[in-house]
C-alpha atoms as a PDB file:
ATOM      1  CA  MET A   1      17.306   5.057  46.555  1.00  0.00           C
ATOM      2  CA  SER A   2      15.755   1.659  45.967  1.00  0.00           C
ATOM      3  CA  ALA A   3      17.587  -1.039  44.044  1.00  0.00           C
ATOM      4  CA  GLY A   4      14.874  -0.985  41.397  1.00  0.00           C
ATOM      5  CA  HIS A   5      15.195   2.766  40.946  1.00  0.00           C
ATOM      6  CA  ALA A   6      18.978   2.515  40.798  1.00  0.00           C
ATOM      7  CA  ALA A   7      18.718  -0.087  38.043  1.00  0.00           C
ATOM      8  CA  THR A   8      16.390   2.218  36.119  1.00  0.00           C
ATOM      9  CA  ALA A   9      18.868   5.071  36.335  1.00  0.00           C
ATOM     10  CA  ASP A  10      21.732   2.844  35.132  1.00  0.00           C
ATOM     11  CA  SER A  11      19.737   1.493  32.181  1.00  0.00           C
ATOM     12  CA  SER A  12      18.138   4.703  30.924  1.00  0.00           C
ATOM     13  CA  LEU A  13      19.462   6.961  28.184  1.00  0.00           C
ATOM     14  CA  LEU A  14      16.973   9.690  29.115  1.00  0.00           C
ATOM     15  CA  GLY A  15      17.592   9.960  32.840  1.00  0.00           C
ATOM     16  CA  GLN A  16      15.790   8.524  35.803  1.00  0.00           C
ATOM     17  CA  SER A  17      12.228   7.268  35.539  1.00  0.00           C
ATOM     18  CA  PRO A  18       9.562   7.696  38.207  1.00  0.00           C
ATOM     19  CA  VAL A  19       9.788   5.438  41.231  1.00  0.00           C
ATOM     20  CA  GLY A  20       8.071   2.114  40.594  1.00  0.00           C
ATOM     21  CA  TRP A  21       8.724   2.057  36.847  1.00  0.00           C
ATOM     22  CA  ARG A  22      10.644  -1.011  35.721  1.00  0.00           C
ATOM     23  CA  VAL A  23      13.115  -1.151  32.836  1.00  0.00           C
ATOM     24  CA  ASP A  24      12.575  -4.169  30.579  1.00  0.00           C
ATOM     25  CA  ARG A  25      12.892  -5.153  26.970  1.00  0.00           C
ATOM     26  CA  ILE A  26       9.642  -4.496  25.145  1.00  0.00           C
ATOM     27  CA  ARG A  27       9.482  -8.100  23.974  1.00  0.00           C
ATOM     28  CA  ASP A  28       9.592  -9.334  27.581  1.00  0.00           C
ATOM     29  CA  HIS A  29       6.001  -8.062  27.864  1.00  0.00           C
ATOM     30  CA  LEU A  30       4.796  -9.659  24.643  1.00  0.00           C
ATOM     31  CA  SER A  31       3.218 -13.096  24.358  1.00  0.00           C
ATOM     32  CA  GLY A  32       3.536 -13.500  20.602  1.00  0.00           C
ATOM     33  CA  ILE A  33       5.052 -11.892  17.515  1.00  0.00           C
ATOM     34  CA  VAL A  34       4.061 -13.244  14.112  1.00  0.00           C
ATOM     35  CA  GLY A  35       4.253 -11.870  10.608  1.00  0.00           C
ATOM     36  CA  GLY A  36       1.072 -11.274   8.657  1.00  0.00           C
ATOM     37  CA  GLU A  37      -0.258 -13.125   5.641  1.00  0.00           C
ATOM     38  CA  TRP A  38      -1.544 -11.750   2.340  1.00  0.00           C
ATOM     39  CA  GLY A  39      -3.332 -14.871   1.157  1.00  0.00           C
ATOM     40  CA  ASP A  40      -4.902 -15.264  -2.279  1.00  0.00           C
ATOM     41  CA  ASP A  41      -7.595 -13.714  -4.387  1.00  0.00           C
ATOM     42  CA  PRO A  42     -11.010 -14.864  -3.082  1.00  0.00           C
ATOM     43  CA  ASP A  43     -11.850 -16.355  -6.487  1.00  0.00           C
ATOM     44  CA  ALA A  44      -8.535 -18.144  -6.936  1.00  0.00           C
ATOM     45  CA  HIS A  45      -9.617 -21.392  -5.230  1.00  0.00           C
ATOM     46  CA  ASP A  46     -11.914 -22.780  -2.542  1.00  0.00           C
ATOM     47  CA  ASP A  47      -9.236 -23.739  -0.032  1.00  0.00           C
ATOM     48  CA  GLY A  48      -9.506 -21.708   3.168  1.00  0.00           C
ATOM     49  CA  ILE A  49     -11.821 -18.901   4.230  1.00  0.00           C
ATOM     50  CA  GLU A  50     -12.397 -15.312   3.193  1.00  0.00           C
ATOM     51  CA  LEU A  51     -11.207 -12.756   5.754  1.00  0.00           C
ATOM     52  CA  PRO A  52     -10.493  -9.018   5.908  1.00  0.00           C
ATOM     53  CA  VAL A  53      -6.762  -8.323   5.751  1.00  0.00           C
ATOM     54  CA  ILE A  54      -5.469  -5.142   7.413  1.00  0.00           C
ATOM     55  CA  ARG A  55      -2.965  -3.323   5.204  1.00  0.00           C
ATOM     56  CA  VAL A  56      -0.466  -0.535   5.887  1.00  0.00           C
ATOM     57  CA  ALA A  57      -2.769   1.677   3.808  1.00  0.00           C
ATOM     58  CA  ASP A  58      -5.439   1.225   6.512  1.00  0.00           C
ATOM     59  CA  ILE A  59      -3.328   3.004   9.147  1.00  0.00           C
ATOM     60  CA  ARG A  60      -4.776   6.296  10.392  1.00  0.00           C
ATOM     61  CA  ASP A  61      -2.374   7.866  12.890  1.00  0.00           C
ATOM     62  CA  LEU A  62      -2.387   5.410  15.815  1.00  0.00           C
ATOM     63  CA  ASP A  63      -5.595   3.689  14.722  1.00  0.00           C
ATOM     64  CA  LEU A  64      -6.989   1.760  11.778  1.00  0.00           C
ATOM     65  CA  THR A  65      -9.845   2.450   9.436  1.00  0.00           C
ATOM     66  CA  VAL A  66     -12.134  -0.554   9.158  1.00  0.00           C
ATOM     67  CA  ASN A  67     -14.051   0.764   6.159  1.00  0.00           C
ATOM     68  CA  GLY A  68     -13.479  -0.883   2.796  1.00  0.00           C
ATOM     69  CA  LEU A  69     -11.028  -3.504   4.039  1.00  0.00           C
ATOM     70  CA  THR A  70      -9.482  -5.861   1.512  1.00  0.00           C
ATOM     71  CA  ILE A  71     -10.948  -9.379   1.518  1.00  0.00           C
ATOM     72  CA  ARG A  72      -8.542 -12.225   0.807  1.00  0.00           C
ATOM     73  CA  ARG A  73      -8.745 -16.017   0.894  1.00  0.00           C
ATOM     74  CA  ILE A  74      -6.601 -17.390   3.709  1.00  0.00           C
ATOM     75  CA  LYS A  75      -5.708 -21.041   4.103  1.00  0.00           C
ATOM     76  CA  GLU A  76      -6.661 -22.346   7.528  1.00  0.00           C
ATOM     77  CA  SER A  77      -3.103 -23.563   8.070  1.00  0.00           C
ATOM     78  CA  LYS A  78      -1.995 -19.911   7.896  1.00  0.00           C
ATOM     79  CA  LEU A  79      -4.454 -18.690  10.525  1.00  0.00           C
ATOM     80  CA  THR A  80      -2.683 -20.097  13.562  1.00  0.00           C
ATOM     81  CA  GLY A  81      -1.631 -17.207  15.779  1.00  0.00           C
ATOM     82  CA  ARG A  82      -2.616 -14.583  13.201  1.00  0.00           C
ATOM     83  CA  LEU A  83      -6.177 -13.628  14.159  1.00  0.00           C
ATOM     84  CA  ILE A  84      -6.298 -10.185  15.768  1.00  0.00           C
ATOM     85  CA  GLY A  85      -7.386 -10.244  19.424  1.00  0.00           C
ATOM     86  CA  LYS A  86      -8.071  -7.837  22.285  1.00  0.00           C
ATOM     87  CA  GLN A  87      -4.404  -7.709  23.338  1.00  0.00           C
ATOM     88  CA  THR A  88      -3.115  -7.244  19.779  1.00  0.00           C
ATOM     89  CA  ILE A  89      -1.283  -4.278  18.333  1.00  0.00           C
ATOM     90  CA  LEU A  90       0.120  -4.115  14.807  1.00  0.00           C
ATOM     91  CA  LEU A  91       3.629  -3.048  13.840  1.00  0.00           C
ATOM     92  CA  GLU A  92       4.558  -1.949  10.324  1.00  0.00           C
ATOM     93  CA  LYS A  93       7.573  -4.026   9.312  1.00  0.00           C
ATOM     94  CA  SER A  94       7.911  -3.352   5.584  1.00  0.00           C
ATOM     95  CA  GLY A  95       7.314  -0.263   3.495  1.00  0.00           C
ATOM     96  CA  GLY A  96       8.120   3.260   4.584  1.00  0.00           C
ATOM     97  CA  GLY A  97       9.991   5.887   2.630  1.00  0.00           C
ATOM     98  CA  GLU A  98      12.312   8.858   2.939  1.00  0.00           C
ATOM     99  CA  ASN A  99       9.810  11.026   4.811  1.00  0.00           C
ATOM    100  CA  LYS A 100       7.926   8.249   6.607  1.00  0.00           C
ATOM    101  CA  PRO A 101      10.251   5.491   7.793  1.00  0.00           C
ATOM    102  CA  VAL A 102       8.921   2.039   8.514  1.00  0.00           C
ATOM    103  CA  GLY A 103       8.013   1.129  12.082  1.00  0.00           C
ATOM    104  CA  ARG A 104       4.616   2.659  12.895  1.00  0.00           C
ATOM    105  CA  ALA A 105       2.517   0.959  15.592  1.00  0.00           C
ATOM    106  CA  VAL A 106      -1.281   0.999  15.700  1.00  0.00           C
ATOM    107  CA  ARG A 107      -4.106  -0.048  17.984  1.00  0.00           C
ATOM    108  CA  THR A 108      -6.617  -2.663  16.874  1.00  0.00           C
ATOM    109  CA  ASN A 109      -9.547  -1.836  19.185  1.00  0.00           C
ATOM    110  CA  ARG A 110     -11.706  -0.976  16.154  1.00  0.00           C
ATOM    111  CA  VAL A 111     -11.277  -4.514  14.793  1.00  0.00           C
ATOM    112  CA  THR A 112     -14.250  -6.278  16.411  1.00  0.00           C
ATOM    113  CA  PHE A 113     -14.429  -9.110  13.868  1.00  0.00           C
ATOM    114  CA  ASP A 114     -12.154 -11.883  12.643  1.00  0.00           C
ATOM    115  CA  ALA A 115      -9.286 -10.368  10.650  1.00  0.00           C
ATOM    116  CA  ILE A 116      -5.553 -10.701  10.116  1.00  0.00           C
ATOM    117  CA  CYS A 117      -2.849  -8.298   8.995  1.00  0.00           C
ATOM    118  CA  SER A 118      -0.908  -8.352   5.750  1.00  0.00           C
ATOM    119  CA  ASN A 119       2.645  -9.596   5.332  1.00  0.00           C
ATOM    120  CA  PHE A 120       3.885  -5.985   5.516  1.00  0.00           C
ATOM    121  CA  MET A 121       2.901  -5.906   9.193  1.00  0.00           C
ATOM    122  CA  ALA A 122       3.583  -7.932  12.321  1.00  0.00           C
ATOM    123  CA  LYS A 123       0.872  -9.013  14.756  1.00  0.00           C
ATOM    124  CA  VAL A 124       2.112  -8.355  18.265  1.00  0.00           C
ATOM    125  CA  ASP A 125       0.201  -9.706  21.283  1.00  0.00           C
ATOM    126  CA  CYS A 126       0.731  -8.027  24.650  1.00  0.00           C
ATOM    127  CA  CYS A 127       0.965  -9.907  27.939  1.00  0.00           C
ATOM    128  CA  ASP A 128      -1.414  -9.046  30.743  1.00  0.00           C
ATOM    129  CA  THR A 129       1.395  -7.020  32.365  1.00  0.00           C
ATOM    130  CA  VAL A 130       0.913  -4.205  29.853  1.00  0.00           C
ATOM    131  CA  ALA A 131      -1.982  -2.265  28.357  1.00  0.00           C
ATOM    132  CA  PRO A 132      -1.925  -2.463  24.534  1.00  0.00           C
ATOM    133  CA  GLU A 133      -2.982   1.184  24.222  1.00  0.00           C
ATOM    134  CA  PHE A 134      -0.005   2.223  26.372  1.00  0.00           C
ATOM    135  CA  VAL A 135       2.399   0.091  24.329  1.00  0.00           C
ATOM    136  CA  VAL A 136       1.233   1.819  21.130  1.00  0.00           C
ATOM    137  CA  TYR A 137       1.859   5.268  22.639  1.00  0.00           C
ATOM    138  CA  MET A 138       5.249   4.112  23.885  1.00  0.00           C
ATOM    139  CA  LEU A 139       6.209   2.744  20.444  1.00  0.00           C
ATOM    140  CA  ASP A 140       4.990   5.988  18.885  1.00  0.00           C
ATOM    141  CA  ALA A 141       7.326   7.891  21.224  1.00  0.00           C
ATOM    142  CA  LEU A 142      10.226   5.687  20.105  1.00  0.00           C
ATOM    143  CA  TYR A 143       9.230   6.163  16.458  1.00  0.00           C
ATOM    144  CA  SER A 144       9.004   9.951  16.853  1.00  0.00           C
ATOM    145  CA  SER A 145      12.451   9.923  18.473  1.00  0.00           C
ATOM    146  CA  GLY A 146      13.944   7.928  15.581  1.00  0.00           C
ATOM    147  CA  VAL A 147      14.851   4.884  17.678  1.00  0.00           C
ATOM    148  CA  ASN A 148      13.451   2.623  14.938  1.00  0.00           C
ATOM    149  CA  GLY A 149      16.046   3.954  12.496  1.00  0.00           C
ATOM    150  CA  ALA A 150      18.805   1.751  13.898  1.00  0.00           C
ATOM    151  CA  CYS A 151      16.708  -1.335  13.099  1.00  0.00           C
ATOM    152  CA  ILE A 152      15.828  -0.493   9.483  1.00  0.00           C
ATOM    153  CA  GLN A 153      17.341  -2.305   6.525  1.00  0.00           C
ATOM    154  CA  GLN A 154      16.990  -0.587   3.175  1.00  0.00           C
ATOM    155  CA  THR A 155      16.506  -2.661   0.047  1.00  0.00           C
ATOM    156  CA  THR A 156      15.576  -1.507  -3.419  1.00  0.00           C
ATOM    157  CA  GLY A 157      12.508   0.666  -3.026  1.00  0.00           C
ATOM    158  CA  ILE A 158      11.474  -0.662   0.391  1.00  0.00           C
ATOM    159  CA  GLN A 159      12.480  -0.522   4.032  1.00  0.00           C
ATOM    160  CA  ASN A 160      12.347  -3.544   6.321  1.00  0.00           C
ATOM    161  CA  LEU A 161      12.241  -3.318  10.105  1.00  0.00           C
ATOM    162  CA  ARG A 162      14.219  -5.873  12.088  1.00  0.00           C
ATOM    163  CA  VAL A 163      11.278  -6.462  14.382  1.00  0.00           C
ATOM    164  CA  LEU A 164      12.954  -8.570  17.056  1.00  0.00           C
ATOM    165  CA  ASP A 165      15.925  -6.206  17.317  1.00  0.00           C
ATOM    166  CA  TYR A 166      13.551  -3.252  17.644  1.00  0.00           C
ATOM    167  CA  LEU A 167      11.479  -4.959  20.313  1.00  0.00           C
ATOM    168  CA  ASN A 168      14.660  -5.728  22.253  1.00  0.00           C
ATOM    169  CA  THR A 169      14.773  -1.999  23.072  1.00  0.00           C
ATOM    170  CA  LYS A 170      14.653  -1.432  26.823  1.00  0.00           C
ATOM    171  CA  VAL A 171      12.083   1.043  28.117  1.00  0.00           C
ATOM    172  CA  ALA A 172      10.666   1.948  31.509  1.00  0.00           C
ATOM    173  CA  PHE A 173       7.250   0.424  32.205  1.00  0.00           C
ATOM    174  CA  PRO A 174       4.972   1.849  34.909  1.00  0.00           C
ATOM    175  CA  PRO A 175       2.558  -0.412  36.798  1.00  0.00           C
ATOM    176  CA  LEU A 176      -0.437  -1.576  34.768  1.00  0.00           C
ATOM    177  CA  HIS A 177      -2.967   0.784  36.353  1.00  0.00           C
ATOM    178  CA  GLU A 178      -0.667   3.722  35.653  1.00  0.00           C
ATOM    179  CA  GLN A 179      -0.248   2.600  32.038  1.00  0.00           C
ATOM    180  CA  GLN A 180      -4.022   2.656  31.657  1.00  0.00           C
ATOM    181  CA  ASN A 181      -4.247   6.110  33.250  1.00  0.00           C
ATOM    182  CA  ILE A 182      -1.492   7.463  30.989  1.00  0.00           C
ATOM    183  CA  ALA A 183      -3.158   6.071  27.867  1.00  0.00           C
ATOM    184  CA  ALA A 184      -6.533   7.517  28.898  1.00  0.00           C
ATOM    185  CA  TYR A 185      -4.928  10.916  29.523  1.00  0.00           C
ATOM    186  CA  LEU A 186      -3.238  10.861  26.114  1.00  0.00           C
ATOM    187  CA  ASP A 187      -6.465   9.757  24.412  1.00  0.00           C
ATOM    188  CA  ALA A 188      -8.381  12.676  25.911  1.00  0.00           C
ATOM    189  CA  SER A 189      -5.617  15.195  25.246  1.00  0.00           C
ATOM    190  CA  CYS A 190      -5.115  14.053  21.645  1.00  0.00           C
ATOM    191  CA  ALA A 191      -8.869  14.234  21.046  1.00  0.00           C
ATOM    192  CA  ALA A 192      -8.884  17.813  22.337  1.00  0.00           C
ATOM    193  CA  ILE A 193      -5.961  18.729  20.075  1.00  0.00           C
ATOM    194  CA  ASP A 194      -7.653  17.086  17.078  1.00  0.00           C
ATOM    195  CA  ALA A 195     -10.827  19.052  17.760  1.00  0.00           C
ATOM    196  CA  ALA A 196      -8.889  22.317  18.012  1.00  0.00           C
ATOM    197  CA  VAL A 197      -6.985  21.632  14.789  1.00  0.00           C
ATOM    198  CA  SER A 198     -10.202  20.721  12.947  1.00  0.00           C
ATOM    199  CA  ALA A 199     -11.897  23.911  14.148  1.00  0.00           C
ATOM    200  CA  LYS A 200      -8.931  26.005  13.005  1.00  0.00           C
ATOM    201  CA  ARG A 201      -8.935  24.342   9.601  1.00  0.00           C
ATOM    202  CA  ARG A 202     -12.663  24.981   9.174  1.00  0.00           C
ATOM    203  CA  HIS A 203     -12.069  28.620  10.072  1.00  0.00           C
ATOM    204  CA  LEU A 204      -9.213  28.985   7.579  1.00  0.00           C
ATOM    205  CA  THR A 205     -10.761  27.050   4.679  1.00  0.00           C
ATOM    206  CA  PRO A 206     -12.657  30.014   3.116  1.00  0.00           C
ATOM    207  CA  TRP A 207      -9.390  31.956   2.904  1.00  0.00           C
ATOM    208  CA  THR A 208      -7.063  29.296   1.554  1.00  0.00           C
ATOM    209  CA  ARG A 209      -8.161  29.804  -2.046  1.00  0.00           C
ATOM    210  CA  PHE A 210      -6.893  33.367  -1.984  1.00  0.00           C
ATOM    211  CA  ALA A 211      -3.461  32.112  -1.031  1.00  0.00           C
ATOM    212  CA  SER A 212      -3.449  29.539  -3.826  1.00  0.00           C
ATOM    213  CA  PRO A 213      -0.945  30.127  -6.644  1.00  0.00           C
ATOM    214  CA  SER A 214      -3.718  29.344  -9.137  1.00  0.00           C
ATOM    215  CA  PHE A 215      -5.905  32.219  -7.922  1.00  0.00           C
ATOM    216  CA  SER A 216      -5.243  35.105 -10.309  1.00  0.00           C
ATOM    217  CA  GLY A 217      -8.374  37.216  -9.924  1.00  0.00           C
ATOM    218  CA  ARG A 218      -9.555  36.514 -13.477  1.00  0.00           C
ATOM    219  CA  SER A 219     -13.334  36.777 -13.556  1.00  0.00           C
ATOM    220  CA  HIS A 220     -14.071  34.917 -16.767  1.00  0.00           C
ATOM    221  CA  GLY A 221     -12.680  31.667 -18.045  1.00  0.00           C
ATOM    222  CA  ALA A 222     -10.308  31.406 -15.124  1.00  0.00           C
ATOM    223  CA  SER A 223      -9.338  27.987 -13.906  1.00  0.00           C
ATOM    224  CA  ARG A 224     -10.913  26.979 -10.651  1.00  0.00           C
ATOM    225  CA  PRO A 225      -8.624  27.857  -7.711  1.00  0.00           C
ATOM    226  CA  THR A 226      -6.956  24.898  -6.057  1.00  0.00           C
ATOM    227  CA  ARG A 227      -6.863  24.560  -2.303  1.00  0.00           C
ATOM    228  CA  ARG A 228      -3.571  24.032  -0.642  1.00  0.00           C
ATOM    229  CA  SER A 229      -3.377  20.655   0.962  1.00  0.00           C
ATOM    230  CA  ASN A 230      -3.722  20.580   4.706  1.00  0.00           C
ATOM    231  CA  PRO A 231      -0.626  19.763   6.726  1.00  0.00           C
ATOM    232  CA  PRO A 232      -0.410  16.129   7.809  1.00  0.00           C
ATOM    233  CA  ALA A 233      -2.382  15.225  10.900  1.00  0.00           C
ATOM    234  CA  MET A 234      -0.355  14.963  14.067  1.00  0.00           C
ATOM    235  CA  CYS A 235      -0.548  11.750  15.990  1.00  0.00           C
ATOM    236  CA  GLY A 236       0.497  10.395  19.328  1.00  0.00           C
ATOM    237  CA  TRP A 237       3.365  11.957  21.222  1.00  0.00           C
ATOM    238  CA  SER A 238       4.294  14.287  18.323  1.00  0.00           C
ATOM    239  CA  LYS A 239       1.152  16.307  19.063  1.00  0.00           C
ATOM    240  CA  PHE A 240       2.458  17.271  22.455  1.00  0.00           C
ATOM    241  CA  ARG A 241       5.799  18.338  21.070  1.00  0.00           C
ATOM    242  CA  THR A 242       4.043  20.609  18.603  1.00  0.00           C
ATOM    243  CA  ALA A 243       1.385  21.924  20.953  1.00  0.00           C
ATOM    244  CA  GLY A 244       3.785  22.520  23.815  1.00  0.00           C
ATOM    245  CA  SER A 245       1.653  20.502  26.210  1.00  0.00           C
ATOM    246  CA  TRP A 246       3.397  18.656  29.015  1.00  0.00           C
ATOM    247  CA  TRP A 247       2.699  15.942  31.501  1.00  0.00           C
ATOM    248  CA  PRO A 248       0.755  16.172  34.757  1.00  0.00           C
ATOM    249  CA  SER A 249       2.971  16.354  37.812  1.00  0.00           C
ATOM    250  CA  SER A 250       2.243  12.772  38.871  1.00  0.00           C
ATOM    251  CA  ALA A 251       4.448  11.194  36.196  1.00  0.00           C
ATOM    252  CA  SER A 252       7.080  12.012  33.631  1.00  0.00           C
ATOM    253  CA  PRO A 253       6.154  11.826  29.914  1.00  0.00           C
ATOM    254  CA  LYS A 254       9.558  10.428  29.009  1.00  0.00           C
ATOM    255  CA  PHE A 255       9.647   6.761  28.161  1.00  0.00           C
ATOM    256  CA  ALA A 256      13.182   5.966  29.307  1.00  0.00           C
ATOM    257  CA  VAL A 257      15.019   4.106  26.577  1.00  0.00           C
ATOM    258  CA  GLY A 258      17.807   1.696  27.263  1.00  0.00           C
END
């Protein structure tokens, strides 16, 4: 057994990782971590520039919606290190709730214009040793496993993530080309699952009204039946847990956590 593989086995809580994967702190592969900025109302003053600000409400699974973004006035002194770039991912650091704890990570590949994130999020820039899309899947695996819970502080009505403590978590990183292959595989597999779920929902929609508590069979003057809400969309690694899919034989799906 190689020294590198032995170190992986000693550092992992989930068993040995594939040969060639290196155990490091997440933050060792990050070039910058900075909190977001909310700025001011665009009409409040003329100091600074108007920019879209990404909010927690713009999160859609592991991605962002870029439709209807909030425009805020940001002072130029606040822009340093905050503009979203190609190596950027965003990490939710404030918010959450009982059923959705704080700590979600999202890709920013849909942000093709100048924008920043709000103060409820952290802008995290990845080094060239890691693929941002892989890091998001890896953080989603940690989130789904509840690893973020140890780094959450609860205040009145809001949860705050201790970002640096969370990013000190040790995980096993494959080589860069393998990260890119893993992310591409997950993208394709998640897209296939999404398509299957959407098709099933379209098939079931005509029948959901008959299962609604408000449907009583009254033919005249009856209130319009209400449709049961769809279950929440699955995202990231949680899809594979639900669907029972597993990993191709070339690599393990477990992100070893130290």
